[in-house]
């Protein structure tokens, strides 16, 4: 009799323990679901970040580090010599390639009051760059007409050409405000951050990945707010498949029929687009035959093309012009390096190119650091430049 009572008590305790365990499991599962909703619902303060497969970050090397140090040394010299922003002009920033290295070659023109100012700045730049040795060298050249040129080399590679021009020897004329277009790539993974970029008081372009968790939401929200959108078309990079362009990418192994079908599918996934720019694509955009198919498809749909220039050998922009597809090309990436100091240097490059050429295209990515820098430059951009949708710069 006593044994039966003990057995009944044990069974009762087991049932209570099982119920408690079941309730705890339900609570835990509910908490995980709630956490997931907080992270992924549109408009949440999520920290969800982009997948780490943007090509510009894969080429970070000892050369890139040296180039960043050179850029900072040059800007330090300009600041200490009190050179006005309007007198700093970037003639060009273009992709270069040699051996295993890819970099942006920079040509910089600086207008100075007189020969003494030019000599003083040349000395200052030489002094600052000498601190970066070994690995950085500079050669100065005097050109008739009062111009000094500094040729800068990093790890034996030609990275910068700095022209020091006496204002009396450079004809200047008043022009309309320089135009700048800014594209924010890789949209599709953080809806809250995407909306924050939409709310910046500038006509930014949003380039949206076709297959991402929030592609539809971001595209529809951008269209509703009147923001210009592009399809951020994934293309095969060098180093594929180790370097992953993400789902839906165009690959060089695809035949013409596969490429056309893939483009048709991806264009339909991002409603309201006005144009296309390439995501990665350092391998694909070097192929005339493959890019010709892409550009034919864009022409049929009245879409423009922006060459992201992820390789020095890209044929995208040139072929687009030959094919009759409205096109332009990237002037600078804004946020290869996510330190705000580096992003500001890239912003200064963008502004300098626009001052020199009359127009420039910057490409950034959905990072909070990029957003903060854009907000910091907002007044200057609205005062000294005309920020336009990139569709106004294609031709």
Protein backbone atom coordinates (compact mmCIF):
# COMPACT_ATOMS: atom_id res chain seq x y z
CA UNK A 1 0.00 0.00 0.00
CA UNK A 2 2.79 2.38 0.96
CA UNK A 3 4.64 1.47 -2.27
CA UNK A 4 1.59 2.32 -4.39
CA UNK A 5 1.36 5.79 -2.80
CA UNK A 6 5.06 6.40 -3.46
CA UNK A 7 4.69 5.34 -7.10
CA UNK A 8 1.69 7.66 -7.53
CA UNK A 9 3.71 10.58 -6.07
CA UNK A 10 6.61 9.85 -8.45
CA UNK A 11 4.24 9.79 -11.47
CA UNK A 12 2.65 13.06 -10.34
CA UNK A 13 6.08 14.70 -9.97
CA UNK A 14 7.11 13.43 -13.43
CA UNK A 15 3.93 14.87 -14.99
CA UNK A 16 4.52 18.26 -13.32
CA UNK A 17 8.17 18.25 -14.46
CA UNK A 18 7.10 17.41 -18.04
CA UNK A 19 4.52 20.23 -18.04
CA UNK A 20 7.06 22.74 -16.71
CA UNK A 21 9.60 21.63 -19.35
CA UNK A 22 6.95 21.95 -22.09
CA UNK A 23 5.96 25.46 -20.93
CA UNK A 24 9.62 26.54 -20.80
CA UNK A 25 10.14 25.26 -24.37
CA UNK A 26 7.09 27.23 -25.57
CA UNK A 27 8.38 30.41 -23.85
CA UNK A 28 11.85 29.92 -25.34
CA UNK A 29 10.47 29.37 -28.85
CA UNK A 30 8.25 32.43 -28.51
CA UNK A 31 11.23 34.51 -27.45
CA UNK A 32 13.26 33.37 -30.44
CA UNK A 33 10.38 34.15 -32.83
CA UNK A 34 9.96 37.61 -31.27
CA UNK A 35 13.70 38.25 -31.57
CA UNK A 36 13.59 37.21 -35.22
CA UNK A 37 10.71 39.59 -35.90
CA UNK A 38 12.55 42.46 -34.22
CA UNK A 39 15.59 41.81 -36.39
CA UNK A 40 13.90 41.30 -39.74
CA UNK A 41 10.68 43.31 -39.78
CA UNK A 42 10.89 46.41 -42.04
CA UNK A 43 11.40 49.60 -40.08
CA UNK A 44 13.03 47.90 -37.11
CA UNK A 45 16.26 49.20 -35.62
CA UNK A 46 18.08 46.15 -36.89
CA UNK A 47 21.80 45.67 -37.04
CA UNK A 48 21.39 43.25 -39.96
CA UNK A 49 24.30 43.91 -42.28
CA UNK A 50 25.14 43.04 -45.84
CA UNK A 51 26.68 39.70 -46.70
CA UNK A 52 30.42 40.03 -47.05
CA UNK A 53 30.69 39.55 -50.77
CA UNK A 54 31.12 43.03 -52.24
CA UNK A 55 34.09 42.90 -54.57
CA UNK A 56 35.70 46.17 -53.54
CA UNK A 57 36.52 44.74 -50.12
CA UNK A 58 38.21 41.64 -51.55
CA UNK A 59 41.04 43.61 -53.17
CA UNK A 60 42.30 45.18 -49.95
CA UNK A 61 46.09 44.76 -50.01
CA UNK A 62 49.40 46.20 -48.86
CA UNK A 63 49.27 48.49 -51.92
CA UNK A 64 45.82 49.82 -50.97
CA UNK A 65 47.08 50.55 -47.46
CA UNK A 66 50.04 52.51 -48.87
CA UNK A 67 47.74 54.45 -51.20
CA UNK A 68 45.50 55.42 -48.30
CA UNK A 69 48.56 56.65 -46.40
CA UNK A 70 49.62 58.68 -49.45
CA UNK A 71 46.14 60.21 -49.78
CA UNK A 72 46.17 61.25 -46.14
CA UNK A 73 49.67 62.72 -46.43
CA UNK A 74 48.63 64.78 -49.47
CA UNK A 75 45.50 66.08 -47.75
CA UNK A 76 47.49 66.91 -44.64
CA UNK A 77 49.88 68.95 -46.80
CA UNK A 78 47.02 70.78 -48.52
CA UNK A 79 45.38 71.55 -45.18
CA UNK A 80 48.57 72.82 -43.58
CA UNK A 81 49.30 75.02 -46.60
CA UNK A 82 45.72 76.35 -46.44
CA UNK A 83 44.82 75.45 -50.04
CA UNK A 84 41.17 76.32 -50.71
CA UNK A 85 38.81 73.46 -51.62
CA UNK A 86 37.86 75.16 -54.90
CA UNK A 87 41.53 75.01 -55.97
CA UNK A 88 41.77 71.22 -55.52
CA UNK A 89 40.70 69.43 -58.71
CA UNK A 90 40.81 65.74 -59.53
CA UNK A 91 41.53 65.39 -63.26
CA UNK A 92 40.77 61.68 -63.07
CA UNK A 93 40.54 58.64 -60.83
CA UNK A 94 40.77 55.53 -62.98
CA UNK A 95 41.29 51.81 -62.34
CA UNK A 96 44.80 50.49 -62.91
CA UNK A 97 46.16 46.95 -62.92
CA UNK A 98 49.63 45.43 -62.87
CA UNK A 99 50.66 41.95 -61.80
CA UNK A 100 48.56 40.93 -58.78
CA UNK A 101 47.58 44.51 -57.93
CA UNK A 102 44.47 46.55 -58.73
CA UNK A 103 44.24 50.18 -57.64
CA UNK A 104 42.81 53.59 -58.54
CA UNK A 105 45.34 55.86 -60.26
CA UNK A 106 44.71 59.47 -59.21
CA UNK A 107 45.57 62.63 -61.11
CA UNK A 108 45.24 65.75 -59.01
CA UNK A 109 45.50 69.39 -60.13
CA UNK A 110 46.08 72.12 -57.55
CA UNK A 111 45.80 75.80 -58.43
CA UNK A 112 48.22 78.02 -56.47
CA UNK A 113 48.76 81.77 -56.25
CA UNK A 114 52.36 81.89 -57.48
CA UNK A 115 55.60 79.99 -57.97
CA UNK A 116 56.64 80.38 -54.33
CA UNK A 117 53.37 78.76 -53.20
CA UNK A 118 53.92 75.89 -55.64
CA UNK A 119 57.49 75.32 -54.43
CA UNK A 120 56.40 75.46 -50.80
CA UNK A 121 53.62 72.90 -51.35
CA UNK A 122 55.95 70.63 -53.32
CA UNK A 123 58.40 70.69 -50.41
CA UNK A 124 55.61 69.97 -47.91
CA UNK A 125 54.30 67.01 -49.94
CA UNK A 126 57.82 65.62 -50.30
CA UNK A 127 58.40 65.87 -46.55
CA UNK A 128 55.11 64.13 -45.68
CA UNK A 129 55.58 61.34 -48.20
CA UNK A 130 59.18 60.74 -47.08
CA UNK A 131 57.71 59.62 -43.74
CA UNK A 132 56.05 56.68 -45.54
CA UNK A 133 59.30 55.14 -46.74
CA UNK A 134 60.17 52.42 -47.50
CA UNK A 135 57.65 51.66 -50.18
CA UNK A 136 56.76 55.21 -51.25
CA UNK A 137 58.86 57.37 -53.60
CA UNK A 138 58.24 60.72 -55.29
CA UNK A 139 59.78 62.28 -58.39
CA UNK A 140 59.34 65.97 -59.20
CA UNK A 141 59.29 67.43 -62.69
CA UNK A 142 59.30 71.05 -63.84
CA UNK A 143 57.21 71.81 -66.92
CA UNK A 144 57.40 74.98 -68.98
CA UNK A 145 54.64 77.44 -68.20
CA UNK A 146 55.13 77.47 -64.45
CA UNK A 147 53.81 73.98 -63.66
CA UNK A 148 55.38 71.50 -61.25
CA UNK A 149 54.43 67.81 -61.36
CA UNK A 150 54.93 65.29 -58.56
CA UNK A 151 54.91 61.61 -59.64
CA UNK A 152 54.19 59.29 -56.69
CA UNK A 153 54.96 55.56 -56.59
CA UNK A 154 53.86 52.98 -54.02
CA UNK A 155 55.65 49.63 -53.96
CA UNK A 156 57.16 50.61 -57.32
CA UNK A 157 53.73 51.22 -58.94
CA UNK A 158 52.63 54.62 -60.29
CA UNK A 159 49.68 55.71 -58.13
CA UNK A 160 49.42 59.55 -58.17
CA UNK A 161 50.21 62.46 -60.50
CA UNK A 162 49.99 65.82 -58.72
CA UNK A 163 50.03 68.96 -60.87
CA UNK A 164 50.91 72.19 -59.05
CA UNK A 165 49.65 74.99 -61.29
CA UNK A 166 50.22 78.71 -60.91
CA UNK A 167 46.86 80.40 -61.34
CA UNK A 168 48.19 82.92 -63.87
CA UNK A 169 49.08 80.04 -66.20
CA UNK A 170 45.71 78.26 -66.01
CA UNK A 171 42.74 79.76 -67.80
CA UNK A 172 39.60 79.65 -65.71
CA UNK A 173 36.03 80.42 -66.59
CA UNK A 174 32.83 80.60 -64.60
CA UNK A 175 30.69 77.50 -65.03
CA UNK A 176 27.37 76.18 -63.80
CA UNK A 177 27.41 74.25 -60.54
CA UNK A 178 29.16 70.88 -60.97
CA UNK A 179 26.78 67.90 -61.00
CA UNK A 180 27.12 64.90 -58.71
CA UNK A 181 25.18 61.64 -58.65
CA UNK A 182 25.48 59.27 -55.69
CA UNK A 183 24.42 55.62 -55.95
CA UNK A 184 23.97 53.44 -52.88
CA UNK A 185 24.62 49.83 -53.92
CA UNK A 186 23.75 46.48 -52.31
CA UNK A 187 20.28 47.44 -51.12
CA UNK A 188 18.16 44.49 -50.01
CA UNK A 189 19.40 43.42 -46.58
CA UNK A 190 18.61 46.21 -44.12
CA UNK A 191 15.24 47.92 -44.62
CA UNK A 192 15.67 50.40 -41.77
CA UNK A 193 19.01 51.63 -43.12
CA UNK A 194 17.58 51.75 -46.66
CA UNK A 195 14.80 54.06 -45.46
CA UNK A 196 17.38 56.24 -43.70
CA UNK A 197 19.16 56.79 -47.02
CA UNK A 198 15.82 57.57 -48.68
CA UNK A 199 15.24 60.25 -46.05
CA UNK A 200 18.51 62.09 -46.75
CA UNK A 201 17.57 65.37 -48.40
CA UNK A 202 19.36 64.49 -51.66
CA UNK A 203 18.17 62.66 -54.81
CA UNK A 204 20.22 59.52 -54.14
CA UNK A 205 19.93 56.48 -56.41
CA UNK A 206 19.33 53.11 -54.74
CA UNK A 207 20.77 50.06 -56.51
CA UNK A 208 18.88 46.99 -55.32
CA UNK A 209 20.04 43.38 -55.38
CA UNK A 210 17.43 41.23 -57.14
CA UNK A 211 17.47 38.30 -54.71
CA UNK A 212 17.65 39.48 -51.10
CA UNK A 213 15.35 39.28 -48.05
CA UNK A 214 13.92 42.80 -48.48
CA UNK A 215 14.22 43.45 -52.22
CA UNK A 216 10.45 43.91 -52.68
CA UNK A 217 9.97 46.11 -49.63
CA UNK A 218 12.89 48.44 -50.43
CA UNK A 219 11.97 48.72 -54.14
CA UNK A 220 8.33 49.50 -53.38
CA UNK A 221 9.21 51.99 -50.63
CA UNK A 222 11.70 53.77 -52.89
CA UNK A 223 9.16 53.99 -55.71
CA UNK A 224 6.55 55.33 -53.32
CA UNK A 225 8.96 58.05 -52.14
CA UNK A 226 10.02 58.97 -55.69
CA UNK A 227 13.62 57.70 -55.35
CA UNK A 228 15.32 56.57 -58.55
CA UNK A 229 16.23 52.88 -58.45
CA UNK A 230 18.61 50.59 -60.33
CA UNK A 231 18.98 46.84 -60.58
CA UNK A 232 22.28 45.88 -58.96
CA UNK A 233 23.02 43.06 -61.38
CA UNK A 234 25.34 40.37 -59.95
CA UNK A 235 28.13 39.32 -62.32
CA UNK A 236 31.02 36.90 -62.08
CA UNK A 237 34.15 38.28 -60.37
CA UNK A 238 37.71 37.09 -60.72
CA UNK A 239 38.27 34.43 -58.10
CA UNK A 240 34.81 32.87 -58.56
CA UNK A 241 33.53 30.67 -56.89
CA UNK A 242 35.76 31.49 -53.91
CA UNK A 243 34.55 35.07 -54.28
CA UNK A 244 30.76 34.80 -54.30
CA UNK A 245 28.63 37.38 -56.16
CA UNK A 246 25.48 36.02 -54.54
CA UNK A 247 22.35 34.46 -56.01
CA UNK A 248 21.26 35.17 -59.58
CA UNK A 249 24.70 36.09 -60.92
CA UNK A 250 25.57 36.17 -64.62
CA UNK A 251 28.45 33.79 -65.28
CA UNK A 252 30.82 33.67 -68.24
CA UNK A 253 30.04 29.94 -68.72
CA UNK A 254 26.40 30.76 -69.56
CA UNK A 255 25.29 30.74 -73.18
CA UNK A 256 23.35 33.60 -74.76
CA UNK A 257 19.94 32.03 -74.10
CA UNK A 258 20.73 31.51 -70.40
CA UNK A 259 21.96 35.10 -70.03
CA UNK A 260 18.83 36.56 -71.63
CA UNK A 261 16.53 34.39 -69.49
CA UNK A 262 18.44 35.31 -66.32
CA UNK A 263 18.26 39.03 -67.07
CA UNK A 264 14.53 38.79 -67.81
CA UNK A 265 13.95 37.13 -64.46
CA UNK A 266 16.11 39.55 -62.45
CA UNK A 267 14.66 42.71 -64.03
CA UNK A 268 11.16 41.55 -63.06
CA UNK A 269 12.24 41.08 -59.45
CA UNK A 270 12.97 44.80 -58.90
CA UNK A 271 9.95 46.87 -59.97
CA UNK A 272 10.30 50.44 -61.18
CA UNK A 273 14.01 50.44 -62.10
CA UNK A 274 15.39 53.08 -64.48
CA UNK A 275 18.78 51.48 -65.07
CA UNK A 276 21.32 48.81 -64.14
CA UNK A 277 24.80 48.72 -62.65
CA UNK A 278 27.01 45.72 -62.07
CA UNK A 279 27.55 44.05 -58.72
CA UNK A 280 31.11 42.66 -58.75
CA UNK A 281 31.76 41.56 -62.35
CA UNK A 282 35.53 42.03 -62.65
CA UNK A 283 35.64 38.88 -64.80
CA UNK A 284 32.32 39.24 -66.64
CA UNK A 285 32.64 42.92 -67.61
CA UNK A 286 35.94 42.25 -69.40
CA UNK A 287 34.13 40.01 -71.93
CA UNK A 288 32.85 41.79 -75.04
CA UNK A 289 30.65 38.85 -76.07
CA UNK A 290 28.94 38.53 -72.68
CA UNK A 291 28.46 42.27 -72.11
CA UNK A 292 27.02 42.67 -75.62
CA UNK A 293 24.13 40.36 -74.67
CA UNK A 294 23.48 42.29 -71.44
CA UNK A 295 23.46 45.63 -73.22
CA UNK A 296 21.11 44.38 -75.95
CA UNK A 297 18.65 43.34 -73.23
CA UNK A 298 18.94 46.73 -71.52
CA UNK A 299 18.37 48.54 -74.83
CA UNK A 300 15.17 46.54 -75.45
CA UNK A 301 13.87 47.67 -72.07
CA UNK A 302 14.97 51.33 -72.35
CA UNK A 303 17.27 50.96 -69.33
CA UNK A 304 20.56 52.85 -68.92
CA UNK A 305 23.82 51.31 -67.72
CA UNK A 306 26.27 52.51 -65.06
CA UNK A 307 29.67 50.81 -65.24
CA UNK A 308 30.78 50.22 -61.64
CA UNK A 309 34.34 49.78 -62.97
CA UNK A 310 35.43 46.91 -60.74
CA UNK A 311 38.27 46.16 -63.18
CA UNK A 312 40.65 48.33 -65.18
CA UNK A 313 39.82 46.24 -68.27
CA UNK A 314 36.05 46.69 -68.22
CA UNK A 315 34.42 47.05 -71.64
CA UNK A 316 30.99 47.96 -70.22
CA UNK A 317 30.93 51.73 -70.71
CA UNK A 318 32.69 51.70 -74.09
CA UNK A 319 30.44 48.95 -75.46
CA UNK A 320 27.31 50.66 -74.13
CA UNK A 321 28.19 53.82 -76.06
CA UNK A 322 28.80 51.77 -79.22
CA UNK A 323 25.53 49.88 -78.75
CA UNK A 324 23.48 53.02 -78.20
CA UNK A 325 22.67 52.31 -74.56
CA UNK A 326 22.68 55.50 -72.42
CA UNK A 327 25.56 55.04 -69.99
CA UNK A 328 27.94 56.58 -67.50
CA UNK A 329 30.63 55.21 -65.18
CA UNK A 330 31.70 55.33 -61.57
CA UNK A 331 34.16 58.06 -60.62
CA UNK A 332 34.96 56.78 -57.11
CA UNK A 333 33.84 54.23 -54.55
CA UNK A 334 33.11 56.17 -51.37
CA UNK A 335 33.53 53.52 -48.71
CA UNK A 336 36.14 50.90 -49.60
CA UNK A 337 37.48 51.68 -46.12
CA UNK A 338 34.74 52.12 -43.51
CA UNK A 339 36.59 54.57 -41.29
CA UNK A 340 34.80 57.91 -41.51
CA UNK A 341 38.12 59.67 -42.13
CA UNK A 342 38.69 57.50 -45.23
CA UNK A 343 35.11 58.04 -46.47
CA UNK A 344 35.61 61.81 -46.15
CA UNK A 345 38.78 61.57 -48.25
CA UNK A 346 36.78 59.75 -50.93
CA UNK A 347 34.06 62.40 -50.73
CA UNK A 348 36.72 65.06 -51.33
CA UNK A 349 37.88 63.09 -54.38
CA UNK A 350 34.32 62.99 -55.68
CA UNK A 351 33.88 66.74 -55.20
CA UNK A 352 37.27 67.43 -56.82
CA UNK A 353 36.41 65.35 -59.90
CA UNK A 354 33.09 67.17 -60.24
CA UNK A 355 34.81 70.57 -59.99
CA UNK A 356 37.30 69.60 -62.70
CA UNK A 357 35.03 67.67 -65.09
CA UNK A 358 31.68 69.29 -64.38
CA UNK A 359 30.12 65.99 -63.26
CA UNK A 360 31.00 62.89 -61.21
CA UNK A 361 29.41 59.65 -60.00
CA UNK A 362 30.08 58.27 -56.52
CA UNK A 363 29.10 54.78 -55.37
CA UNK A 364 28.57 54.01 -51.70
CA UNK A 365 27.06 51.16 -49.74
CA UNK A 366 24.44 50.88 -46.99
CA UNK A 367 26.68 51.47 -43.99
CA UNK A 368 25.93 53.76 -41.08
CA UNK A 369 29.35 55.39 -41.49
CA UNK A 370 28.52 56.30 -45.11
CA UNK A 371 25.16 57.69 -44.03
CA UNK A 372 26.77 59.86 -41.34
CA UNK A 373 29.34 61.30 -43.78
CA UNK A 374 26.64 62.10 -46.36
CA UNK A 375 24.66 63.95 -43.71
CA UNK A 376 27.81 65.84 -42.71
CA UNK A 377 28.40 66.94 -46.34
CA UNK A 378 24.73 67.76 -46.95
CA UNK A 379 25.01 71.55 -46.70
CA UNK A 380 28.14 71.71 -48.87
CA UNK A 381 26.62 69.45 -51.52
CA UNK A 382 23.46 71.55 -51.70
CA UNK A 383 25.38 74.85 -51.73
CA UNK A 384 28.30 74.19 -54.09
CA UNK A 385 27.04 71.36 -56.30
CA UNK A 386 23.92 70.15 -58.03
CA UNK A 387 23.14 66.64 -56.82
CA UNK A 388 21.07 64.82 -59.44
CA UNK A 389 19.74 61.31 -60.12
CA UNK A 390 22.30 59.39 -62.13
CA UNK A 391 19.86 59.26 -65.07
CA UNK A 392 20.73 62.94 -65.66
CA UNK A 393 24.39 62.07 -66.23
CA UNK A 394 23.97 59.23 -68.73
CA UNK A 395 24.44 59.94 -72.38
